[in-house]
Amino acid sequence: MTEFYLNDQLIRTAEAPASALLDFVRYQQHLKGTKIGCREGDCGACTVLVGELATDGQTVAYQSMTSCLTPLGNAHGKHVVTVEGINAAAGQLTPVQQAIVAEGGSQCGFCTVGFVMSLTGHSLSDKPATEKSTLAAIDGNICRCTGYKSLERAAARLTAQLAERPRQKAVEWLSQEQFVPQYFQHMPAKLAKLRDKLTAAPAEHHSPTHPFTHPLIGGGTDLMVQRLEEIRELPVRLIYDNRGLRGIRSSEGHVVLGAATTATQLLESELLNELLPGLPGYLKLVSSTPIRNMGTVAGNFINGSPIGDLTIMFLALGADITLADAGGTTRQLPLSELYLGYKKLDKAPDEQVTEISFPAPAAGDFFNFEKVSKRTHLDIASVNSAAWVRVEKGVIAAARVSAGGVGPIPLLLARTNAYLQGREISAATIQGANEVMQSEISPISDVRGTAEYKRLLLRQLLFAHFLKFAPEKVQMRELV
């Protein structure tokens, strides 16, 4: 049984936990404001808000999510908000809706609901609203009519209004200003009461007694696209809310994170941002805000995609994964050794990833991630690459360069890395590394480009890494 609040109503349902939240909202609850678009998390027309009780038990943290990819079971114990649940009174627009109307931000209207929900979620954030953050909140929403300038103006209008939002008792202010109805103020107490009830009698599909052979679902951002019809008929193990699989910490010179840590949690981690200052820029190239709120790190690894963005980053960071089987036996495996062939993993059916760790970069180490895709944001890479380099006394002491989209698996370029070690950073060194790298890859021609194009892209990404690392030693004109 799955229990959660849908707008201001308590829901108890025996529907399959691996069914899509979108379908439950539209077809079981008849809330048709949430639209069916691409069913791949790409357009944002199905965006809803999902609120989770904070650890203090006094506040609810809301995130935008694409309901087409959200397993219904992941709503367990939470507050799901659709567009029908944000107006204080019938016929009364919220400030978000008013801003879009005033700036002409809606034409056909199909996408508008998604924009409204994403911006409402941004309004509920505990972080200061800036022009940049408000625009970032709608990076998962696509509009084919307005050309976006009207939506950008609406976002600017909203940012100015949110400048008055207090840090304390923000929901009370938002309710007074009609951003959300008054019932939002009572949700912390309601979710706390529901949590206590569910703790005493956990839902069956959240129970650890399920066999380890049942499919694992984290954020659902891959399985819900590729295998929805299949998995919603199966018993599943939902791990997205397993607190033992969340979190990021430092331990004995390593960074350790739980397998169910999301891309958003990476983005917001003070530890990771201190160690990898460029991380926000890299992660902005990964999917969109709603998908980053849902997608887990281990899920990206186990997907086995040759172009998984997080996989490519963590390969260059030298990550290991910890696998646990049904009997509790664990083993550690370098991430680079997980991939045996296209979508083939060195993992038994009853094993699951529990932790990911990598050596904490030292001060002075270089790390960079590059990605080429047809769109800058919310797109799959044609080719991506990451690089970590340590230089001592002007010589490359160690290097890890990874590449995606140029072979059947995500690649840690072992021969290229060995070539770089012990050499000074120079145009000649980088050109020589490219020659070795070209012998390590085996791209194919597909919808994202020809094999020759992908070879050229990876060459340019290798150059880009070192142009950022050591611009004083490597000039673009020397590499052409």
Protein backbone atom coordinates (compact mmCIF):
# COMPACT_ATOMS: atom_id res chain seq x y z
CA MET A 1 0.00 0.00 0.00
CA THR A 2 1.29 3.45 -0.95
CA GLU A 3 0.17 6.41 1.16
CA PHE A 4 0.82 10.06 0.45
CA TYR A 5 -0.85 13.42 0.23
CA LEU A 6 -2.01 14.51 -3.22
CA ASN A 7 -2.64 18.23 -2.97
CA ASP A 8 -4.71 18.44 0.25
CA GLN A 9 -6.06 14.87 0.18
CA LEU A 10 -4.62 11.75 1.82
CA ILE A 11 -4.26 8.94 -0.72
CA ARG A 12 -4.04 5.22 -0.02
CA THR A 13 -3.60 3.03 -3.07
CA ALA A 14 -2.69 -0.52 -3.94
CA GLU A 15 -1.70 0.46 -7.49
CA ALA A 16 1.62 -1.01 -8.66
CA PRO A 17 4.49 0.95 -7.08
CA ALA A 18 6.39 0.89 -10.39
CA SER A 19 3.55 2.51 -12.31
CA ALA A 20 4.02 6.12 -13.35
CA LEU A 21 2.83 8.83 -10.97
CA LEU A 22 1.59 10.67 -14.08
CA ASP A 23 -0.85 7.88 -14.93
CA PHE A 24 -2.13 7.65 -11.38
CA VAL A 25 -2.74 11.40 -11.21
CA ARG A 26 -4.53 11.58 -14.55
CA TYR A 27 -6.40 8.30 -14.81
CA GLN A 28 -7.04 7.32 -11.20
CA GLN A 29 -7.50 10.78 -9.69
CA HIS A 30 -8.74 12.49 -12.88
CA LEU A 31 -6.46 15.50 -12.41
CA LYS A 32 -5.92 16.31 -16.07
CA GLY A 33 -3.93 19.51 -15.60
CA THR A 34 -0.75 17.40 -15.56
CA LYS A 35 -0.09 16.77 -19.24
CA ILE A 36 1.23 13.76 -21.13
CA GLY A 37 4.00 14.86 -23.48
CA CYS A 38 7.14 12.96 -24.38
CA ARG A 39 7.03 10.39 -21.55
CA GLU A 40 10.81 10.62 -21.44
CA GLY A 41 11.34 13.49 -19.00
CA ASP A 42 12.31 15.74 -21.87
CA CYS A 43 9.48 18.27 -22.26
CA GLY A 44 8.40 19.03 -18.67
CA ALA A 45 4.66 19.10 -19.46
CA CYS A 46 4.02 16.57 -16.70
CA THR A 47 5.96 18.43 -13.98
CA VAL A 48 4.64 18.13 -10.43
CA LEU A 49 6.07 19.07 -7.04
CA VAL A 50 7.10 16.40 -4.55
CA GLY A 51 7.57 17.50 -0.96
CA GLU A 52 9.52 15.50 1.61
CA LEU A 53 9.49 16.17 5.33
CA ALA A 54 12.83 17.63 6.38
CA THR A 55 14.89 16.00 9.10
CA ASP A 56 13.86 18.74 11.53
CA GLY A 57 10.23 17.61 11.16
CA GLN A 58 9.17 21.26 10.90
CA THR A 59 9.46 22.00 7.19
CA VAL A 60 8.81 20.33 3.86
CA ALA A 61 11.39 20.46 1.06
CA TYR A 62 9.74 20.61 -2.37
CA GLN A 63 11.35 19.60 -5.62
CA SER A 64 10.05 19.63 -9.19
CA MET A 65 9.86 16.19 -10.78
CA THR A 66 8.65 14.84 -14.09
CA SER A 67 5.73 12.61 -13.11
CA CYS A 68 6.08 10.46 -16.24
CA LEU A 69 9.33 9.10 -14.77
CA THR A 70 8.38 9.09 -11.09
CA PRO A 71 7.48 5.64 -9.76
CA LEU A 72 4.23 5.89 -7.84
CA GLY A 73 5.89 4.14 -4.91
CA ASN A 74 8.42 6.97 -4.61
CA ALA A 75 5.55 9.24 -3.50
CA HIS A 76 5.14 7.13 -0.35
CA GLY A 77 4.99 9.36 2.73
CA LYS A 78 5.30 12.59 0.74
CA HIS A 79 3.26 15.52 -0.53
CA VAL A 80 2.59 15.52 -4.27
CA VAL A 81 1.30 18.78 -5.73
CA THR A 82 -0.33 19.17 -9.14
CA VAL A 83 -1.52 22.37 -10.76
CA GLU A 84 -4.98 21.77 -9.28
CA GLY A 85 -3.49 22.13 -5.81
CA ILE A 86 -1.78 25.53 -6.00
CA ASN A 87 -4.64 28.05 -6.27
CA ALA A 88 -6.07 29.52 -3.10
CA ALA A 89 -9.50 29.95 -4.71
CA ALA A 90 -11.18 29.02 -7.97
CA GLY A 91 -10.53 31.59 -10.68
CA GLN A 92 -7.79 33.30 -8.66
CA LEU A 93 -4.38 33.20 -10.29
CA THR A 94 -1.19 32.76 -8.30
CA PRO A 95 1.63 35.31 -8.77
CA VAL A 96 3.43 32.74 -10.93
CA GLN A 97 0.44 32.36 -13.20
CA GLN A 98 -0.12 36.13 -13.25
CA ALA A 99 3.47 36.75 -14.29
CA ILE A 100 3.15 34.36 -17.22
CA VAL A 101 -0.15 35.90 -18.31
CA ALA A 102 1.15 39.46 -17.97
CA GLU A 103 4.21 38.76 -20.11
CA GLY A 104 2.41 36.72 -22.78
CA GLY A 105 4.20 33.56 -21.75
CA SER A 106 1.52 31.15 -22.96
CA GLN A 107 0.24 30.49 -26.47
CA CYS A 108 -1.03 26.96 -27.09
CA GLY A 109 -0.88 26.42 -23.33
CA PHE A 110 0.13 22.77 -23.38
CA CYS A 111 3.52 23.39 -21.76
CA THR A 112 2.34 26.18 -19.48
CA VAL A 113 1.34 23.95 -16.58
CA GLY A 114 4.88 22.56 -16.39
CA PHE A 115 6.38 26.04 -16.29
CA VAL A 116 3.91 27.06 -13.59
CA MET A 117 4.80 24.06 -11.43
CA SER A 118 8.56 24.48 -11.85
CA LEU A 119 8.37 28.16 -10.93
CA THR A 120 6.06 27.41 -8.00
CA GLY A 121 8.61 24.90 -6.74
CA HIS A 122 11.28 27.57 -7.08
CA SER A 123 9.09 29.91 -5.04
CA LEU A 124 9.00 27.30 -2.26
CA SER A 125 12.78 26.97 -2.20
CA ASP A 126 14.67 28.06 0.90
CA LYS A 127 17.42 29.57 -1.25
CA PRO A 128 17.46 33.23 -2.36
CA ALA A 129 15.75 33.82 -5.68
CA THR A 130 18.04 35.32 -8.30
CA GLU A 131 17.56 35.87 -12.01
CA LYS A 132 19.93 32.98 -12.67
CA SER A 133 18.28 30.56 -10.23
CA THR A 134 14.79 31.39 -11.47
CA LEU A 135 15.74 30.67 -15.07
CA ALA A 136 17.49 27.49 -13.95
CA ALA A 137 14.24 26.32 -12.37
CA ILE A 138 12.64 26.02 -15.82
CA ASP A 139 15.58 24.30 -17.53
CA GLY A 140 13.50 21.12 -17.73
CA ASN A 141 10.57 22.75 -19.49
CA ILE A 142 10.26 23.12 -23.25
CA CYS A 143 7.95 25.60 -24.99
CA ARG A 144 7.56 25.43 -28.75
CA CYS A 145 5.45 28.59 -29.14
CA THR A 146 6.74 31.60 -27.24
CA GLY A 147 10.41 31.79 -28.15
CA TYR A 148 11.11 31.94 -24.40
CA LYS A 149 11.66 35.70 -24.17
CA SER A 150 8.21 36.19 -22.70
CA LEU A 151 8.91 33.41 -20.20
CA GLU A 152 12.23 35.02 -19.32
CA ARG A 153 10.40 38.28 -18.63
CA ALA A 154 7.90 36.39 -16.47
CA ALA A 155 10.81 34.84 -14.58
CA ALA A 156 12.34 38.28 -14.01
CA ARG A 157 9.01 39.61 -12.72
CA LEU A 158 8.75 36.64 -10.36
CA THR A 159 12.33 37.10 -9.14
CA ALA A 160 11.52 40.68 -8.15
CA GLN A 161 8.46 39.54 -6.20
CA LEU A 162 10.39 36.80 -4.42
CA ALA A 163 12.97 39.31 -3.23
CA GLU A 164 10.46 40.06 -0.45
CA ARG A 165 10.23 36.43 0.66
CA PRO A 166 11.57 36.03 4.22
CA ARG A 167 14.03 33.32 5.19
CA GLN A 168 11.93 32.37 8.21
CA LYS A 169 8.29 31.34 7.90
CA ALA A 170 8.55 31.51 4.13
CA VAL A 171 5.52 29.26 3.53
CA GLU A 172 3.39 31.52 5.70
CA TRP A 173 4.42 34.52 3.56
CA LEU A 174 3.88 32.56 0.33
CA SER A 175 0.42 31.62 1.53
CA GLN A 176 -0.42 35.24 2.38
CA GLU A 177 0.79 36.33 -1.06
CA GLN A 178 -1.33 33.61 -2.72
CA PHE A 179 1.64 31.68 -4.18
CA VAL A 180 0.21 28.56 -2.50
CA PRO A 181 -2.97 27.81 -0.52
CA GLN A 182 -3.06 27.88 3.27
CA TYR A 183 -3.08 24.11 3.55
CA PHE A 184 0.64 24.12 2.72
CA GLN A 185 1.27 25.49 6.22
CA HIS A 186 -0.22 22.36 7.76
CA MET A 187 1.72 19.84 5.62
CA PRO A 188 4.73 19.45 7.96
CA ALA A 189 2.46 18.26 10.79
CA LYS A 190 0.45 16.04 8.45
CA LEU A 191 3.56 14.45 6.94
CA ALA A 192 5.09 13.95 10.40
CA LYS A 193 1.95 12.12 11.51
CA LEU A 194 1.97 10.05 8.32
CA ARG A 195 5.66 9.27 8.77
CA ASP A 196 5.07 7.99 12.30
CA LYS A 197 2.26 5.80 11.05
CA LEU A 198 4.30 4.41 8.15
CA THR A 199 7.33 3.80 10.34
CA ALA A 200 5.19 1.56 12.49
CA ALA A 201 3.78 -0.29 9.46
CA PRO A 202 6.04 0.17 6.39
CA ALA A 203 4.63 -0.40 2.94
CA GLU A 204 5.30 -3.85 1.54
CA HIS A 205 7.23 -2.68 -1.50
CA HIS A 206 9.59 -0.71 0.74
CA SER A 207 10.38 -3.74 2.86
CA PRO A 208 13.93 -5.16 2.70
CA THR A 209 12.46 -8.69 2.74
CA HIS A 210 11.84 -8.62 -1.00
CA PRO A 211 14.16 -11.00 -2.89
CA PHE A 212 17.31 -9.40 -4.25
CA THR A 213 16.37 -10.63 -7.72
CA HIS A 214 13.45 -8.18 -7.89
CA PRO A 215 14.28 -5.13 -10.03
CA LEU A 216 15.81 -2.17 -8.21
CA ILE A 217 14.40 1.27 -8.90
CA GLY A 218 16.05 4.45 -7.69
CA GLY A 219 14.87 7.64 -9.36
CA GLY A 220 13.34 5.74 -12.26
CA THR A 221 14.73 8.11 -14.88
CA ASP A 222 15.99 5.25 -17.07
CA LEU A 223 13.76 2.25 -16.31
CA MET A 224 10.56 4.27 -16.52
CA VAL A 225 11.47 5.25 -20.07
CA GLN A 226 12.69 1.93 -21.38
CA ARG A 227 10.70 -0.71 -19.47
CA LEU A 228 7.58 0.91 -17.96
CA GLU A 229 5.13 -1.64 -19.36
CA GLU A 230 7.28 -4.48 -18.03
CA ILE A 231 8.30 -3.26 -14.59
CA ARG A 232 4.92 -1.99 -13.47
CA GLU A 233 3.74 -5.60 -13.58
CA LEU A 234 6.63 -6.79 -11.40
CA PRO A 235 7.39 -6.66 -7.68
CA VAL A 236 10.17 -4.14 -7.26
CA ARG A 237 12.57 -2.81 -4.66
CA LEU A 238 12.41 0.97 -4.30
CA ILE A 239 15.63 2.44 -2.94
CA TYR A 240 15.24 6.14 -3.68
CA ASP A 241 14.18 6.89 -0.10
CA ASN A 242 16.61 4.54 1.61
CA ARG A 243 18.44 6.99 3.87
CA GLY A 244 21.23 4.46 4.36
CA LEU A 245 22.01 4.82 0.65
CA ARG A 246 22.06 8.63 0.67
CA GLY A 247 24.61 11.19 1.70
CA ILE A 248 28.11 12.45 0.91
CA ARG A 249 30.96 12.39 3.40
CA SER A 250 34.73 12.52 3.71
CA SER A 251 36.54 9.44 5.03
CA GLU A 252 40.29 8.87 5.29
CA GLY A 253 41.21 10.90 2.25
CA HIS A 254 38.30 9.66 0.18
CA VAL A 255 34.89 11.04 -0.70
CA VAL A 256 32.18 8.46 -0.04
CA LEU A 257 28.61 8.73 -1.23
CA GLY A 258 25.60 6.50 -0.99
CA ALA A 259 24.39 4.80 -4.14
CA ALA A 260 21.02 6.61 -4.08
CA THR A 261 22.59 10.07 -3.87
CA THR A 262 21.02 12.22 -6.57
CA ALA A 263 22.67 14.54 -9.06
CA THR A 264 21.05 17.49 -7.25
CA GLN A 265 22.65 16.38 -3.99
CA LEU A 266 26.01 16.34 -5.77
CA LEU A 267 25.31 19.85 -7.02
CA GLU A 268 24.41 21.11 -3.55
CA SER A 269 27.21 19.36 -1.63
CA GLU A 270 29.54 21.82 0.10
CA LEU A 271 32.24 19.14 0.28
CA LEU A 272 32.17 18.41 -3.45
CA ASN A 273 31.98 22.06 -4.42
CA GLU A 274 35.05 22.74 -2.30
CA LEU A 275 36.99 19.88 -3.89
CA LEU A 276 35.66 20.41 -7.42
CA PRO A 277 34.96 24.14 -7.87
CA GLY A 278 33.74 23.66 -11.44
CA LEU A 279 31.13 21.08 -10.44
CA PRO A 280 28.04 23.35 -10.75
CA GLY A 281 28.96 24.15 -14.34
CA TYR A 282 29.51 20.48 -15.18
CA LEU A 283 26.26 19.31 -13.62
CA LYS A 284 24.25 22.01 -15.38
CA LEU A 285 25.11 20.07 -18.55
CA VAL A 286 23.55 16.94 -17.07
CA SER A 287 19.83 16.55 -17.90
CA SER A 288 17.63 19.17 -16.18
CA THR A 289 16.58 20.26 -12.70
CA PRO A 290 13.63 17.78 -12.39
CA ILE A 291 15.76 14.88 -13.66
CA ARG A 292 18.70 15.80 -11.42
CA ASN A 293 16.24 15.82 -8.52
CA MET A 294 15.37 12.21 -9.33
CA GLY A 295 18.33 10.49 -10.99
CA THR A 296 20.78 8.63 -8.74
CA VAL A 297 24.51 8.24 -9.21
CA ALA A 298 24.48 4.45 -9.03
CA GLY A 299 21.55 4.36 -11.43
CA ASN A 300 23.66 6.22 -13.99
CA PHE A 301 26.45 3.68 -13.50
CA ILE A 302 24.26 0.58 -13.71
CA ASN A 303 22.44 1.90 -16.76
CA GLY A 304 25.68 1.03 -18.55
CA SER A 305 25.25 3.73 -21.17
CA PRO A 306 28.47 4.49 -23.06
CA ILE A 307 27.65 8.22 -22.69
CA GLY A 308 26.47 8.41 -19.07
CA ASP A 309 27.60 11.85 -17.90
CA LEU A 310 28.06 10.97 -14.24
CA THR A 311 29.80 7.73 -15.18
CA ILE A 312 32.33 9.63 -17.29
CA MET A 313 32.98 12.10 -14.45
CA PHE A 314 33.48 9.42 -11.84
CA LEU A 315 35.76 7.36 -14.08
CA ALA A 316 38.14 10.30 -14.26
CA LEU A 317 37.88 10.75 -10.50
CA GLY A 318 39.11 7.17 -10.01
CA ALA A 319 35.94 5.90 -8.40
CA ASP A 320 35.37 2.48 -6.86
CA ILE A 321 31.97 0.97 -6.17
CA THR A 322 30.93 -1.32 -3.34
CA LEU A 323 28.62 -4.17 -4.28
CA ALA A 324 26.58 -6.19 -1.75
CA ASP A 325 24.85 -9.49 -2.48
CA ALA A 326 21.76 -11.07 -0.94
CA GLY A 327 23.83 -12.66 1.82
CA GLY A 328 25.42 -9.40 2.84
CA THR A 329 28.82 -10.17 1.33
CA THR A 330 30.44 -7.07 -0.12
CA ARG A 331 33.19 -6.50 -2.62
CA GLN A 332 34.84 -3.41 -4.02
CA LEU A 333 35.32 -2.93 -7.73
CA PRO A 334 36.94 -0.12 -9.72
CA LEU A 335 34.22 1.58 -11.71
CA SER A 336 36.32 1.11 -14.84
CA GLU A 337 36.10 -2.69 -14.39
CA LEU A 338 32.31 -2.77 -14.05
CA TYR A 339 31.77 -2.66 -17.82
CA LEU A 340 32.42 -5.87 -19.73
CA GLY A 341 30.70 -4.95 -23.00
CA TYR A 342 27.74 -3.00 -24.26
CA LYS A 343 25.22 -3.06 -21.38
CA LYS A 344 27.11 -6.01 -19.83
CA LEU A 345 28.23 -5.58 -16.23
CA ASP A 346 30.51 -7.44 -13.83
CA LYS A 347 27.62 -7.72 -11.39
CA ALA A 348 25.57 -10.71 -10.26
CA PRO A 349 21.75 -10.42 -10.39
CA ASP A 350 21.53 -10.33 -6.59
CA GLU A 351 24.21 -7.65 -6.18
CA GLN A 352 23.47 -3.98 -5.75
CA VAL A 353 25.69 -0.93 -5.47
CA THR A 354 25.70 0.43 -1.93
CA GLU A 355 28.53 2.97 -1.94
CA ILE A 356 30.76 4.91 -4.30
CA SER A 357 34.12 6.33 -3.28
CA PHE A 358 36.98 8.20 -4.91
CA PRO A 359 40.24 9.78 -3.71
CA ALA A 360 39.69 13.37 -2.67
CA PRO A 361 41.48 15.62 -5.19
CA ALA A 362 44.41 17.45 -3.66
CA ALA A 363 44.91 21.18 -3.83
CA GLY A 364 46.41 21.93 -7.23
CA ASP A 365 44.91 18.90 -8.97
CA PHE A 366 43.05 19.65 -12.19
CA PHE A 367 39.60 18.29 -13.01
CA ASN A 368 37.38 19.13 -15.94
CA PHE A 369 34.31 17.79 -17.73
CA GLU A 370 33.34 18.54 -21.31
CA LYS A 371 30.24 17.55 -23.26
CA VAL A 372 29.05 18.05 -26.82
CA SER A 373 25.35 17.57 -27.58
CA LYS A 374 22.83 18.94 -30.05
CA ARG A 375 21.39 21.15 -27.31
CA THR A 376 23.49 22.68 -24.56
CA HIS A 377 21.08 21.56 -21.85
CA LEU A 378 18.66 18.69 -21.37
CA ASP A 379 20.25 16.48 -24.00
CA ILE A 380 22.22 13.28 -24.39
CA ALA A 381 25.88 13.66 -25.28
CA SER A 382 27.27 12.93 -28.70
CA VAL A 383 30.68 12.70 -27.02
CA ASN A 384 31.69 13.57 -23.47
CA SER A 385 34.96 13.45 -21.60
CA ALA A 386 36.45 14.17 -18.19
CA ALA A 387 40.05 14.55 -17.08
CA TRP A 388 41.89 14.59 -13.76
CA VAL A 389 45.56 15.57 -13.84
CA ARG A 390 48.17 15.96 -11.11
CA VAL A 391 51.29 17.95 -11.97
CA GLU A 392 54.47 17.90 -9.86
CA LYS A 393 57.45 20.12 -10.69
CA GLY A 394 56.09 20.81 -14.15
CA VAL A 395 55.64 17.13 -14.99
CA ILE A 396 52.39 15.15 -15.18
CA ALA A 397 52.65 12.81 -12.20
CA ALA A 398 49.32 11.07 -12.88
CA ALA A 399 46.36 11.46 -15.24
CA ARG A 400 42.95 9.93 -15.74
CA VAL A 401 41.12 10.85 -18.94
CA SER A 402 37.74 9.26 -19.65
CA ALA A 403 35.57 9.32 -22.73
CA GLY A 404 31.99 8.51 -23.66
CA GLY A 405 30.30 8.00 -27.01
CA VAL A 406 33.39 6.55 -28.66
CA GLY A 407 33.07 2.88 -27.80
CA PRO A 408 30.59 0.26 -26.58
CA ILE A 409 31.28 1.13 -22.93
CA PRO A 410 32.28 4.22 -20.93
CA LEU A 411 36.05 4.34 -21.33
CA LEU A 412 38.89 5.10 -18.95
CA LEU A 413 41.66 5.64 -21.50
CA ALA A 414 44.40 3.56 -19.90
CA ARG A 415 47.01 3.84 -22.66
CA THR A 416 46.46 7.56 -23.07
CA ASN A 417 46.81 8.07 -19.33
CA ALA A 418 50.02 6.03 -19.27
CA TYR A 419 51.39 8.11 -22.15
CA LEU A 420 50.74 11.37 -20.31
CA GLN A 421 52.41 10.27 -17.10
CA GLY A 422 55.93 11.61 -16.71
CA ARG A 423 55.68 14.19 -19.51
CA GLU A 424 55.61 17.96 -19.37
CA ILE A 425 52.43 19.72 -20.42
CA SER A 426 53.03 21.00 -23.92
CA ALA A 427 51.37 21.05 -27.33
CA ALA A 428 53.57 18.15 -28.41
CA THR A 429 52.52 16.09 -25.38
CA ILE A 430 48.82 16.70 -26.02
CA GLN A 431 49.15 15.91 -29.72
CA GLY A 432 50.97 12.70 -28.86
CA ALA A 433 48.27 11.80 -26.31
CA ASN A 434 45.64 12.33 -29.00
CA GLU A 435 47.40 9.88 -31.31
CA VAL A 436 47.38 7.24 -28.57
CA MET A 437 43.77 8.07 -27.67
CA GLN A 438 42.60 7.62 -31.24
CA SER A 439 43.94 4.05 -31.16
CA GLU A 440 41.96 3.31 -27.96
CA ILE A 441 38.53 4.31 -29.20
CA SER A 442 36.12 2.66 -31.63
CA PRO A 443 33.24 5.03 -32.36
CA ILE A 444 30.41 4.08 -34.69
CA SER A 445 28.23 6.23 -36.91
CA ASP A 446 24.73 6.78 -35.55
CA VAL A 447 22.10 9.50 -35.11
CA ARG A 448 24.51 11.55 -32.99
CA GLY A 449 27.21 11.75 -35.65
CA THR A 450 29.58 9.82 -37.85
CA ALA A 451 32.51 7.89 -36.45
CA GLU A 452 34.90 10.44 -37.97
CA TYR A 453 32.98 13.31 -36.38
CA LYS A 454 33.15 11.67 -32.95
CA ARG A 455 36.90 11.16 -33.28
CA LEU A 456 37.25 14.84 -34.08
CA LEU A 457 35.03 15.81 -31.15
CA LEU A 458 37.05 13.77 -28.65
CA ARG A 459 40.28 15.28 -29.97
CA GLN A 460 38.84 18.74 -29.39
CA LEU A 461 37.64 17.82 -25.90
CA LEU A 462 41.13 16.55 -25.01
CA PHE A 463 42.55 19.85 -26.23
CA ALA A 464 39.89 21.72 -24.24
CA HIS A 465 40.91 19.97 -21.01
CA PHE A 466 44.51 21.08 -21.30
CA LEU A 467 43.70 24.56 -22.61
CA LYS A 468 41.81 25.04 -19.34
CA PHE A 469 44.45 23.31 -17.20
CA ALA A 470 47.50 25.13 -18.50
CA PRO A 471 46.65 27.93 -20.96
CA GLU A 472 50.08 29.44 -20.41
CA LYS A 473 51.75 26.25 -21.68
CA VAL A 474 49.33 25.17 -24.38
CA GLN A 475 48.05 27.52 -27.08
CA MET A 476 45.21 26.62 -29.42
CA ARG A 477 47.23 27.66 -32.48
CA GLU A 478 49.84 25.08 -31.53
CA LEU A 479 47.24 22.32 -31.47
CA VAL A 480 45.53 23.00 -34.80
